[in-house]
Amino acid sequence: MKHPSVEEQREIVQQWEETGRELSRLRQEALRGLPYNWEDMDALLSLCDDFADVHSRKSSGLVEMQRWFMRGHKK
């Protein structure tokens, strides 16, 4: 398998960046054309409210995240 040269790698990266920007632009354009549906938004917000009521937190979760990082670091 032939490995690309440094210049070819730069061109590939540049192409990926341009493609990513274009895909993002197309996605934003497609989303702008969608009608706003109040019923869908109300349903999503009520799900968040229901979840927050059941699983109220006493902390931000940073301590638990640090605990997970330490577990991963020890392995």
Protein backbone atom coordinates (compact mmCIF):
# COMPACT_ATOMS: atom_id res chain seq x y z
CA MET A 1 0.00 0.00 0.00
CA LYS A 2 1.42 3.36 -1.01
CA HIS A 3 1.46 5.98 1.73
CA PRO A 4 0.66 9.54 0.67
CA SER A 5 3.45 12.09 0.73
CA VAL A 6 3.37 15.00 3.18
CA GLU A 7 1.99 17.28 0.46
CA GLU A 8 -0.71 14.74 -0.43
CA GLN A 9 -1.60 14.44 3.25
CA ARG A 10 -1.98 18.23 3.47
CA GLU A 11 -4.25 18.20 0.43
CA ILE A 12 -6.37 15.44 1.96
CA VAL A 13 -6.71 17.35 5.23
CA GLN A 14 -7.61 20.54 3.37
CA GLN A 15 -10.21 18.66 1.33
CA TRP A 16 -11.72 17.19 4.52
CA GLU A 17 -11.91 20.65 6.11
CA GLU A 18 -13.60 22.14 3.05
CA THR A 19 -16.00 19.20 2.82
CA GLY A 20 -16.86 19.55 6.51
CA ARG A 21 -17.62 23.23 6.12
CA GLU A 22 -19.79 22.57 3.06
CA LEU A 23 -21.70 19.76 4.81
CA SER A 24 -22.26 22.00 7.81
CA ARG A 25 -23.56 24.77 5.55
CA LEU A 26 -25.92 22.34 3.79
CA ARG A 27 -27.18 21.01 7.12
CA GLN A 28 -27.86 24.52 8.42
CA GLU A 29 -29.63 25.42 5.19
CA ALA A 30 -31.82 22.32 5.41
CA LEU A 31 -32.67 23.01 9.06
CA ARG A 32 -33.62 26.62 8.31
CA GLY A 33 -36.25 25.40 5.88
CA LEU A 34 -38.05 23.24 8.45
CA PRO A 35 -41.25 24.55 9.99
CA TYR A 36 -41.22 25.09 13.74
CA ASN A 37 -43.51 22.60 15.43
CA TRP A 38 -44.59 23.74 18.89
CA GLU A 39 -46.03 20.33 19.79
CA ASP A 40 -42.71 18.57 19.15
CA MET A 41 -40.85 21.16 21.22
CA ASP A 42 -43.32 20.85 24.08
CA ALA A 43 -42.90 17.06 24.03
CA LEU A 44 -39.10 17.35 24.16
CA LEU A 45 -39.19 19.91 26.96
CA SER A 46 -41.61 17.80 28.98
CA LEU A 47 -39.23 14.83 28.68
CA CYS A 48 -36.48 16.99 30.14
CA ASP A 49 -38.72 18.13 32.95
CA ASP A 50 -39.75 14.56 33.76
CA PHE A 51 -36.15 13.36 33.81
CA ALA A 52 -34.94 16.27 35.95
CA ASP A 53 -37.66 15.65 38.54
CA VAL A 54 -36.86 11.96 38.92
CA HIS A 55 -33.08 12.24 38.88
CA SER A 56 -32.38 15.48 40.70
CA ARG A 57 -28.67 15.92 41.33
CA LYS A 58 -26.99 17.04 44.47
CA SER A 59 -23.78 17.93 42.64
CA SER A 60 -22.58 18.86 39.16
CA GLY A 61 -21.13 15.41 38.50
CA LEU A 62 -17.51 16.59 38.34
CA VAL A 63 -16.47 14.41 41.27
CA GLU A 64 -17.95 11.32 39.61
CA MET A 65 -16.25 12.22 36.32
CA GLN A 66 -12.87 12.53 38.09
CA ARG A 67 -13.49 9.13 39.68
CA TRP A 68 -14.01 7.61 36.21
CA PHE A 69 -10.87 9.31 34.91
CA MET A 70 -8.85 7.83 37.78
CA ARG A 71 -10.22 4.36 37.08
CA GLY A 72 -9.18 4.66 33.44
CA HIS A 73 -5.77 6.02 34.37
CA LYS A 74 -5.02 3.07 36.67
CA LYS A 75 -5.66 0.58 33.87
